[in-house]
Protein backbone atom coordinates (compact mmCIF):
# COMPACT_ATOMS: atom_id res chain seq x y z
CA UNK A 1 0.00 0.00 0.00
CA UNK A 2 2.85 2.38 0.83
CA UNK A 3 4.26 2.09 -2.70
CA UNK A 4 0.84 2.99 -4.13
CA UNK A 5 0.59 5.98 -1.80
CA UNK A 6 4.07 7.15 -2.91
CA UNK A 7 2.91 6.90 -6.51
CA UNK A 8 -0.26 8.91 -5.77
CA UNK A 9 1.79 11.64 -4.06
CA UNK A 10 4.11 11.80 -7.07
CA UNK A 11 1.17 11.88 -9.50
CA UNK A 12 -0.23 14.82 -7.51
CA UNK A 13 2.96 16.68 -8.38
CA UNK A 14 4.76 16.52 -5.04
CA UNK A 15 8.16 15.14 -4.11
CA UNK A 16 7.69 12.04 -1.95
CA UNK A 17 11.36 12.23 -0.89
CA UNK A 18 11.06 15.64 0.77
CA UNK A 19 11.30 15.63 4.56
CA UNK A 20 7.62 16.28 5.33
CA UNK A 21 6.45 13.45 3.06
CA UNK A 22 9.04 10.73 3.74
CA UNK A 23 6.94 8.93 6.34
CA UNK A 24 3.55 9.93 4.88
CA UNK A 25 2.98 6.63 3.01
CA UNK A 26 3.42 4.71 6.29
CA UNK A 27 1.13 7.11 8.18
CA UNK A 28 -1.56 7.04 5.47
CA UNK A 29 -1.54 3.24 5.38
CA UNK A 30 -1.87 3.06 9.17
CA UNK A 31 -4.64 5.68 9.10
CA UNK A 32 -6.62 3.96 6.34
CA UNK A 33 -6.39 0.60 8.08
CA UNK A 34 -7.78 2.14 11.28
CA UNK A 35 -10.50 4.09 9.46
CA UNK A 36 -11.68 0.91 7.73
CA UNK A 37 -11.17 -1.46 10.68
CA UNK A 38 -14.91 -2.19 10.80
CA UNK A 39 -14.44 -4.40 7.75
CA UNK A 40 -12.25 -6.71 9.81
CA UNK A 41 -14.39 -6.87 12.96
CA UNK A 42 -17.02 -9.38 13.94
CA UNK A 43 -20.29 -7.99 15.34
CA UNK A 44 -20.75 -11.01 17.61
CA UNK A 45 -17.36 -10.32 19.21
CA UNK A 46 -18.28 -6.65 19.64
CA UNK A 47 -21.53 -7.58 21.44
CA UNK A 48 -19.48 -10.05 23.54
CA UNK A 49 -22.51 -11.53 25.30
CA UNK A 50 -23.65 -8.18 26.74
CA UNK A 51 -27.33 -9.09 26.24
CA UNK A 52 -29.26 -9.28 29.50
CA UNK A 53 -32.72 -10.38 30.56
CA UNK A 54 -34.97 -7.52 31.60
CA UNK A 55 -38.60 -6.87 32.36
CA UNK A 56 -38.19 -3.32 31.06
CA UNK A 57 -40.33 -2.53 28.05
CA UNK A 58 -39.86 1.23 28.13
CA UNK A 59 -37.88 3.17 25.56
CA UNK A 60 -34.10 3.18 25.95
CA UNK A 61 -32.12 5.89 24.14
CA UNK A 62 -28.41 6.45 23.68
CA UNK A 63 -27.94 9.79 21.96
CA UNK A 64 -25.12 11.95 20.67
CA UNK A 65 -22.85 9.02 19.83
CA UNK A 66 -20.02 10.66 17.91
CA UNK A 67 -18.92 8.91 14.73
CA UNK A 68 -16.40 9.40 11.93
CA UNK A 69 -16.52 7.63 8.61
CA UNK A 70 -15.15 7.83 5.07
CA UNK A 71 -17.46 8.60 2.17
CA UNK A 72 -17.19 5.73 -0.29
CA UNK A 73 -17.61 8.10 -3.24
CA UNK A 74 -14.69 10.47 -2.53
CA UNK A 75 -12.88 8.84 0.41
CA UNK A 76 -13.30 12.07 2.36
CA UNK A 77 -14.52 12.06 5.97
CA UNK A 78 -18.05 12.53 7.14
CA UNK A 79 -18.84 12.77 10.80
CA UNK A 80 -21.56 13.66 13.25
CA UNK A 81 -23.85 12.17 15.85
CA UNK A 82 -25.90 9.02 16.00
CA UNK A 83 -29.01 8.65 18.17
CA UNK A 84 -30.32 5.14 18.88
CA UNK A 85 -33.55 4.16 20.60
CA UNK A 86 -35.19 0.81 21.18
CA UNK A 87 -38.05 -0.73 23.08
CA UNK A 88 -36.90 -3.95 24.76
CA UNK A 89 -38.79 -7.22 24.55
CA UNK A 90 -37.32 -9.09 27.55
CA UNK A 91 -33.71 -8.37 26.44
CA UNK A 92 -31.48 -5.32 26.83
CA UNK A 93 -28.00 -4.55 25.54
CA UNK A 94 -25.15 -3.01 27.51
CA UNK A 95 -25.23 0.71 26.76
CA UNK A 96 -21.60 0.96 25.59
CA UNK A 97 -22.36 -1.58 22.87
CA UNK A 98 -24.41 1.01 20.97
CA UNK A 99 -21.30 3.16 20.53
CA UNK A 100 -19.29 0.06 19.57
CA UNK A 101 -21.91 -0.96 16.99
CA UNK A 102 -21.85 2.58 15.57
CA UNK A 103 -18.05 2.44 15.32
CA UNK A 104 -18.19 -1.01 13.74
CA UNK A 105 -20.30 0.18 10.83
CA UNK A 106 -18.84 3.68 10.50
CA UNK A 107 -15.23 2.50 10.31
CA UNK A 108 -15.35 1.50 6.66
CA UNK A 109 -15.96 3.12 3.30
CA UNK A 110 -19.57 4.06 3.79
CA UNK A 111 -22.57 6.23 2.96
CA UNK A 112 -24.71 7.75 5.68
CA UNK A 113 -27.92 6.15 4.44
CA UNK A 114 -26.46 2.64 4.63
CA UNK A 115 -24.76 3.35 7.96
CA UNK A 116 -28.12 4.29 9.48
CA UNK A 117 -29.82 1.15 8.20
CA UNK A 118 -26.98 -1.19 9.20
CA UNK A 119 -27.03 0.05 12.78
CA UNK A 120 -30.82 -0.37 13.02
CA UNK A 121 -30.78 -3.81 11.38
CA UNK A 122 -28.00 -5.12 13.63
CA UNK A 123 -29.79 -4.02 16.82
CA UNK A 124 -33.05 -5.48 15.51
CA UNK A 125 -31.32 -8.80 14.71
CA UNK A 126 -29.40 -9.02 17.98
CA UNK A 127 -32.15 -8.01 20.43
CA UNK A 128 -35.43 -8.69 18.60
CA UNK A 129 -36.91 -5.62 20.36
CA UNK A 130 -40.41 -4.24 19.92
CA UNK A 131 -38.88 -1.40 17.91
CA UNK A 132 -35.63 0.31 16.91
CA UNK A 133 -34.99 3.88 15.78
CA UNK A 134 -31.72 5.33 14.53
CA UNK A 135 -31.20 8.95 13.49
CA UNK A 136 -27.85 10.14 12.19
CA UNK A 137 -26.83 13.76 11.63
CA UNK A 138 -23.73 14.03 9.47
CA UNK A 139 -21.48 16.66 7.98
CA UNK A 140 -19.72 15.61 4.79
CA UNK A 141 -16.36 17.04 3.79
CA UNK A 142 -17.08 16.05 0.18
CA UNK A 143 -19.80 18.73 0.26
CA UNK A 144 -17.77 21.19 2.31
CA UNK A 145 -14.31 21.05 0.69
CA UNK A 146 -15.20 20.36 -2.95
CA UNK A 147 -18.26 20.28 -5.16
CA UNK A 148 -20.89 22.69 -3.84
CA UNK A 149 -18.63 23.87 -0.97
CA UNK A 150 -21.41 24.37 1.58
CA UNK A 151 -20.03 24.73 5.10
CA UNK A 152 -23.13 24.68 7.28
CA UNK A 153 -25.30 22.00 5.75
CA UNK A 154 -25.73 18.55 7.24
CA UNK A 155 -27.64 15.43 6.36
CA UNK A 156 -30.16 13.68 8.57
CA UNK A 157 -31.08 10.06 7.96
CA UNK A 158 -33.36 7.75 9.91
CA UNK A 159 -34.14 4.06 10.07
CA UNK A 160 -37.26 2.96 11.92
CA UNK A 161 -38.30 -0.57 12.77
CA UNK A 162 -41.27 -2.08 14.65
CA UNK A 163 -43.21 0.28 16.92
CA UNK A 164 -41.19 3.31 15.82
CA UNK A 165 -42.41 2.79 12.27
CA UNK A 166 -45.97 1.75 13.10
CA UNK A 167 -46.86 4.05 16.00
CA UNK A 168 -46.54 7.83 15.44
CA UNK A 169 -46.70 8.48 19.20
CA UNK A 170 -43.67 6.25 19.82
CA UNK A 171 -41.77 7.86 16.94
CA UNK A 172 -42.66 11.36 18.17
CA UNK A 173 -41.56 10.55 21.74
CA UNK A 174 -38.20 9.36 20.43
CA UNK A 175 -37.72 12.44 18.26
CA UNK A 176 -38.67 14.74 21.13
CA UNK A 177 -36.25 12.99 23.52
CA UNK A 178 -33.34 13.29 21.08
CA UNK A 179 -34.19 16.97 20.59
CA UNK A 180 -35.81 16.84 17.16
CA UNK A 181 -39.23 18.25 16.49
CA UNK A 182 -41.96 16.51 14.52
CA UNK A 183 -44.14 18.65 12.34
C-alpha atoms as a PDB file:
ATOM      1  CA  UNK A   1       0.000   0.000   0.000  1.00  0.00           C
ATOM      2  CA  UNK A   2       2.849   2.381   0.831  1.00  0.00           C
ATOM      3  CA  UNK A   3       4.258   2.093  -2.697  1.00  0.00           C
ATOM      4  CA  UNK A   4       0.842   2.990  -4.132  1.00  0.00           C
ATOM      5  CA  UNK A   5       0.595   5.981  -1.799  1.00  0.00           C
ATOM      6  CA  UNK A   6       4.068   7.155  -2.907  1.00  0.00           C
ATOM      7  CA  UNK A   7       2.906   6.896  -6.510  1.00  0.00           C
ATOM      8  CA  UNK A   8      -0.259   8.912  -5.768  1.00  0.00           C
ATOM      9  CA  UNK A   9       1.790  11.644  -4.056  1.00  0.00           C
ATOM     10  CA  UNK A  10       4.108  11.795  -7.068  1.00  0.00           C
ATOM     11  CA  UNK A  11       1.168  11.876  -9.496  1.00  0.00           C
ATOM     12  CA  UNK A  12      -0.226  14.821  -7.513  1.00  0.00           C
ATOM     13  CA  UNK A  13       2.961  16.684  -8.376  1.00  0.00           C
ATOM     14  CA  UNK A  14       4.759  16.523  -5.042  1.00  0.00           C
ATOM     15  CA  UNK A  15       8.160  15.141  -4.105  1.00  0.00           C
ATOM     16  CA  UNK A  16       7.691  12.038  -1.949  1.00  0.00           C
ATOM     17  CA  UNK A  17      11.363  12.233  -0.890  1.00  0.00           C
ATOM     18  CA  UNK A  18      11.060  15.641   0.768  1.00  0.00           C
ATOM     19  CA  UNK A  19      11.295  15.631   4.557  1.00  0.00           C
ATOM     20  CA  UNK A  20       7.622  16.280   5.329  1.00  0.00           C
ATOM     21  CA  UNK A  21       6.450  13.454   3.057  1.00  0.00           C
ATOM     22  CA  UNK A  22       9.044  10.728   3.736  1.00  0.00           C
ATOM     23  CA  UNK A  23       6.936   8.930   6.343  1.00  0.00           C
ATOM     24  CA  UNK A  24       3.553   9.931   4.882  1.00  0.00           C
ATOM     25  CA  UNK A  25       2.984   6.635   3.011  1.00  0.00           C
ATOM     26  CA  UNK A  26       3.419   4.710   6.290  1.00  0.00           C
ATOM     27  CA  UNK A  27       1.129   7.114   8.184  1.00  0.00           C
ATOM     28  CA  UNK A  28      -1.558   7.039   5.468  1.00  0.00           C
ATOM     29  CA  UNK A  29      -1.537   3.237   5.382  1.00  0.00           C
ATOM     30  CA  UNK A  30      -1.873   3.058   9.167  1.00  0.00           C
ATOM     31  CA  UNK A  31      -4.635   5.682   9.105  1.00  0.00           C
ATOM     32  CA  UNK A  32      -6.617   3.961   6.342  1.00  0.00           C
ATOM     33  CA  UNK A  33      -6.390   0.599   8.082  1.00  0.00           C
ATOM     34  CA  UNK A  34      -7.784   2.142  11.279  1.00  0.00           C
ATOM     35  CA  UNK A  35     -10.505   4.095   9.463  1.00  0.00           C
ATOM     36  CA  UNK A  36     -11.682   0.908   7.725  1.00  0.00           C
ATOM     37  CA  UNK A  37     -11.174  -1.456  10.682  1.00  0.00           C
ATOM     38  CA  UNK A  38     -14.911  -2.186  10.803  1.00  0.00           C
ATOM     39  CA  UNK A  39     -14.437  -4.402   7.745  1.00  0.00           C
ATOM     40  CA  UNK A  40     -12.245  -6.712   9.809  1.00  0.00           C
ATOM     41  CA  UNK A  41     -14.391  -6.872  12.957  1.00  0.00           C
ATOM     42  CA  UNK A  42     -17.021  -9.377  13.942  1.00  0.00           C
ATOM     43  CA  UNK A  43     -20.288  -7.985  15.342  1.00  0.00           C
ATOM     44  CA  UNK A  44     -20.750 -11.013  17.614  1.00  0.00           C
ATOM     45  CA  UNK A  45     -17.356 -10.323  19.210  1.00  0.00           C
ATOM     46  CA  UNK A  46     -18.280  -6.651  19.644  1.00  0.00           C
ATOM     47  CA  UNK A  47     -21.526  -7.583  21.437  1.00  0.00           C
ATOM     48  CA  UNK A  48     -19.483 -10.047  23.540  1.00  0.00           C
ATOM     49  CA  UNK A  49     -22.506 -11.527  25.301  1.00  0.00           C
ATOM     50  CA  UNK A  50     -23.655  -8.181  26.744  1.00  0.00           C
ATOM     51  CA  UNK A  51     -27.334  -9.091  26.241  1.00  0.00           C
ATOM     52  CA  UNK A  52     -29.257  -9.276  29.499  1.00  0.00           C
ATOM     53  CA  UNK A  53     -32.725 -10.383  30.557  1.00  0.00           C
ATOM     54  CA  UNK A  54     -34.972  -7.523  31.598  1.00  0.00           C
ATOM     55  CA  UNK A  55     -38.600  -6.869  32.355  1.00  0.00           C
ATOM     56  CA  UNK A  56     -38.192  -3.315  31.063  1.00  0.00           C
ATOM     57  CA  UNK A  57     -40.334  -2.534  28.050  1.00  0.00           C
ATOM     58  CA  UNK A  58     -39.864   1.235  28.133  1.00  0.00           C
ATOM     59  CA  UNK A  59     -37.884   3.172  25.558  1.00  0.00           C
ATOM     60  CA  UNK A  60     -34.103   3.181  25.946  1.00  0.00           C
ATOM     61  CA  UNK A  61     -32.120   5.892  24.145  1.00  0.00           C
ATOM     62  CA  UNK A  62     -28.410   6.447  23.679  1.00  0.00           C
ATOM     63  CA  UNK A  63     -27.943   9.786  21.964  1.00  0.00           C
ATOM     64  CA  UNK A  64     -25.124  11.950  20.672  1.00  0.00           C
ATOM     65  CA  UNK A  65     -22.848   9.019  19.834  1.00  0.00           C
ATOM     66  CA  UNK A  66     -20.017  10.661  17.907  1.00  0.00           C
ATOM     67  CA  UNK A  67     -18.919   8.911  14.729  1.00  0.00           C
ATOM     68  CA  UNK A  68     -16.402   9.395  11.931  1.00  0.00           C
ATOM     69  CA  UNK A  69     -16.524   7.630   8.606  1.00  0.00           C
ATOM     70  CA  UNK A  70     -15.153   7.832   5.074  1.00  0.00           C
ATOM     71  CA  UNK A  71     -17.455   8.601   2.168  1.00  0.00           C
ATOM     72  CA  UNK A  72     -17.192   5.734  -0.291  1.00  0.00           C
ATOM     73  CA  UNK A  73     -17.607   8.104  -3.236  1.00  0.00           C
ATOM     74  CA  UNK A  74     -14.695  10.475  -2.531  1.00  0.00           C
ATOM     75  CA  UNK A  75     -12.881   8.841   0.406  1.00  0.00           C
ATOM     76  CA  UNK A  76     -13.297  12.066   2.363  1.00  0.00           C
ATOM     77  CA  UNK A  77     -14.517  12.059   5.973  1.00  0.00           C
ATOM     78  CA  UNK A  78     -18.047  12.525   7.136  1.00  0.00           C
ATOM     79  CA  UNK A  79     -18.841  12.767  10.802  1.00  0.00           C
ATOM     80  CA  UNK A  80     -21.555  13.656  13.253  1.00  0.00           C
ATOM     81  CA  UNK A  81     -23.848  12.169  15.848  1.00  0.00           C
ATOM     82  CA  UNK A  82     -25.902   9.018  15.995  1.00  0.00           C
ATOM     83  CA  UNK A  83     -29.013   8.648  18.165  1.00  0.00           C
ATOM     84  CA  UNK A  84     -30.318   5.143  18.881  1.00  0.00           C
ATOM     85  CA  UNK A  85     -33.545   4.159  20.601  1.00  0.00           C
ATOM     86  CA  UNK A  86     -35.187   0.808  21.178  1.00  0.00           C
ATOM     87  CA  UNK A  87     -38.053  -0.729  23.084  1.00  0.00           C
ATOM     88  CA  UNK A  88     -36.903  -3.955  24.760  1.00  0.00           C
ATOM     89  CA  UNK A  89     -38.788  -7.217  24.547  1.00  0.00           C
ATOM     90  CA  UNK A  90     -37.322  -9.087  27.547  1.00  0.00           C
ATOM     91  CA  UNK A  91     -33.713  -8.370  26.435  1.00  0.00           C
ATOM     92  CA  UNK A  92     -31.482  -5.316  26.825  1.00  0.00           C
ATOM     93  CA  UNK A  93     -28.003  -4.555  25.535  1.00  0.00           C
ATOM     94  CA  UNK A  94     -25.147  -3.009  27.515  1.00  0.00           C
ATOM     95  CA  UNK A  95     -25.227   0.709  26.764  1.00  0.00           C
ATOM     96  CA  UNK A  96     -21.599   0.959  25.592  1.00  0.00           C
ATOM     97  CA  UNK A  97     -22.363  -1.580  22.869  1.00  0.00           C
ATOM     98  CA  UNK A  98     -24.414   1.008  20.966  1.00  0.00           C
ATOM     99  CA  UNK A  99     -21.296   3.155  20.534  1.00  0.00           C
ATOM    100  CA  UNK A 100     -19.293   0.060  19.568  1.00  0.00           C
ATOM    101  CA  UNK A 101     -21.913  -0.962  16.986  1.00  0.00           C
ATOM    102  CA  UNK A 102     -21.852   2.582  15.574  1.00  0.00           C
ATOM    103  CA  UNK A 103     -18.049   2.440  15.323  1.00  0.00           C
ATOM    104  CA  UNK A 104     -18.192  -1.008  13.739  1.00  0.00           C
ATOM    105  CA  UNK A 105     -20.305   0.180  10.830  1.00  0.00           C
ATOM    106  CA  UNK A 106     -18.843   3.679  10.498  1.00  0.00           C
ATOM    107  CA  UNK A 107     -15.228   2.504  10.308  1.00  0.00           C
ATOM    108  CA  UNK A 108     -15.346   1.500   6.660  1.00  0.00           C
ATOM    109  CA  UNK A 109     -15.964   3.124   3.303  1.00  0.00           C
ATOM    110  CA  UNK A 110     -19.570   4.059   3.794  1.00  0.00           C
ATOM    111  CA  UNK A 111     -22.567   6.229   2.957  1.00  0.00           C
ATOM    112  CA  UNK A 112     -24.715   7.754   5.676  1.00  0.00           C
ATOM    113  CA  UNK A 113     -27.924   6.152   4.441  1.00  0.00           C
ATOM    114  CA  UNK A 114     -26.458   2.639   4.630  1.00  0.00           C
ATOM    115  CA  UNK A 115     -24.761   3.352   7.959  1.00  0.00           C
ATOM    116  CA  UNK A 116     -28.120   4.290   9.483  1.00  0.00           C
ATOM    117  CA  UNK A 117     -29.824   1.147   8.203  1.00  0.00           C
ATOM    118  CA  UNK A 118     -26.984  -1.194   9.197  1.00  0.00           C
ATOM    119  CA  UNK A 119     -27.029   0.052  12.784  1.00  0.00           C
ATOM    120  CA  UNK A 120     -30.824  -0.374  13.023  1.00  0.00           C
ATOM    121  CA  UNK A 121     -30.782  -3.813  11.385  1.00  0.00           C
ATOM    122  CA  UNK A 122     -28.004  -5.120  13.631  1.00  0.00           C
ATOM    123  CA  UNK A 123     -29.788  -4.021  16.816  1.00  0.00           C
ATOM    124  CA  UNK A 124     -33.051  -5.477  15.514  1.00  0.00           C
ATOM    125  CA  UNK A 125     -31.320  -8.798  14.706  1.00  0.00           C
ATOM    126  CA  UNK A 126     -29.402  -9.022  17.983  1.00  0.00           C
ATOM    127  CA  UNK A 127     -32.150  -8.010  20.433  1.00  0.00           C
ATOM    128  CA  UNK A 128     -35.426  -8.687  18.604  1.00  0.00           C
ATOM    129  CA  UNK A 129     -36.908  -5.622  20.356  1.00  0.00           C
ATOM    130  CA  UNK A 130     -40.409  -4.243  19.921  1.00  0.00           C
ATOM    131  CA  UNK A 131     -38.882  -1.396  17.912  1.00  0.00           C
ATOM    132  CA  UNK A 132     -35.633   0.309  16.915  1.00  0.00           C
ATOM    133  CA  UNK A 133     -34.994   3.883  15.780  1.00  0.00           C
ATOM    134  CA  UNK A 134     -31.719   5.325  14.529  1.00  0.00           C
ATOM    135  CA  UNK A 135     -31.199   8.947  13.494  1.00  0.00           C
ATOM    136  CA  UNK A 136     -27.849  10.144  12.186  1.00  0.00           C
ATOM    137  CA  UNK A 137     -26.830  13.760  11.632  1.00  0.00           C
ATOM    138  CA  UNK A 138     -23.730  14.030   9.474  1.00  0.00           C
ATOM    139  CA  UNK A 139     -21.484  16.663   7.979  1.00  0.00           C
ATOM    140  CA  UNK A 140     -19.721  15.612   4.786  1.00  0.00           C
ATOM    141  CA  UNK A 141     -16.358  17.037   3.787  1.00  0.00           C
ATOM    142  CA  UNK A 142     -17.078  16.049   0.183  1.00  0.00           C
ATOM    143  CA  UNK A 143     -19.803  18.725   0.260  1.00  0.00           C
ATOM    144  CA  UNK A 144     -17.773  21.187   2.310  1.00  0.00           C
ATOM    145  CA  UNK A 145     -14.314  21.054   0.693  1.00  0.00           C
ATOM    146  CA  UNK A 146     -15.197  20.364  -2.947  1.00  0.00           C
ATOM    147  CA  UNK A 147     -18.264  20.280  -5.160  1.00  0.00           C
ATOM    148  CA  UNK A 148     -20.891  22.687  -3.845  1.00  0.00           C
ATOM    149  CA  UNK A 149     -18.632  23.869  -0.967  1.00  0.00           C
ATOM    150  CA  UNK A 150     -21.409  24.368   1.583  1.00  0.00           C
ATOM    151  CA  UNK A 151     -20.028  24.732   5.099  1.00  0.00           C
ATOM    152  CA  UNK A 152     -23.128  24.683   7.276  1.00  0.00           C
ATOM    153  CA  UNK A 153     -25.297  21.997   5.753  1.00  0.00           C
ATOM    154  CA  UNK A 154     -25.725  18.554   7.244  1.00  0.00           C
ATOM    155  CA  UNK A 155     -27.637  15.429   6.360  1.00  0.00           C
ATOM    156  CA  UNK A 156     -30.159  13.681   8.575  1.00  0.00           C
ATOM    157  CA  UNK A 157     -31.077  10.055   7.963  1.00  0.00           C
ATOM    158  CA  UNK A 158     -33.358   7.751   9.907  1.00  0.00           C
ATOM    159  CA  UNK A 159     -34.144   4.062  10.073  1.00  0.00           C
ATOM    160  CA  UNK A 160     -37.263   2.960  11.915  1.00  0.00           C
ATOM    161  CA  UNK A 161     -38.303  -0.569  12.769  1.00  0.00           C
ATOM    162  CA  UNK A 162     -41.267  -2.077  14.646  1.00  0.00           C
ATOM    163  CA  UNK A 163     -43.208   0.275  16.921  1.00  0.00           C
ATOM    164  CA  UNK A 164     -41.189   3.306  15.816  1.00  0.00           C
ATOM    165  CA  UNK A 165     -42.406   2.789  12.269  1.00  0.00           C
ATOM    166  CA  UNK A 166     -45.968   1.746  13.105  1.00  0.00           C
ATOM    167  CA  UNK A 167     -46.857   4.049  15.999  1.00  0.00           C
ATOM    168  CA  UNK A 168     -46.538   7.827  15.436  1.00  0.00           C
ATOM    169  CA  UNK A 169     -46.698   8.481  19.202  1.00  0.00           C
ATOM    170  CA  UNK A 170     -43.670   6.254  19.817  1.00  0.00           C
ATOM    171  CA  UNK A 171     -41.767   7.857  16.945  1.00  0.00           C
ATOM    172  CA  UNK A 172     -42.657  11.359  18.174  1.00  0.00           C
ATOM    173  CA  UNK A 173     -41.564  10.549  21.739  1.00  0.00           C
ATOM    174  CA  UNK A 174     -38.196   9.355  20.428  1.00  0.00           C
ATOM    175  CA  UNK A 175     -37.719  12.443  18.262  1.00  0.00           C
ATOM    176  CA  UNK A 176     -38.666  14.737  21.132  1.00  0.00           C
ATOM    177  CA  UNK A 177     -36.252  12.988  23.517  1.00  0.00           C
ATOM    178  CA  UNK A 178     -33.344  13.291  21.077  1.00  0.00           C
ATOM    179  CA  UNK A 179     -34.191  16.967  20.589  1.00  0.00           C
ATOM    180  CA  UNK A 180     -35.805  16.843  17.164  1.00  0.00           C
ATOM    181  CA  UNK A 181     -39.234  18.253  16.491  1.00  0.00           C
ATOM    182  CA  UNK A 182     -41.963  16.509  14.517  1.00  0.00           C
ATOM    183  CA  UNK A 183     -44.144  18.655  12.344  1.00  0.00           C
END
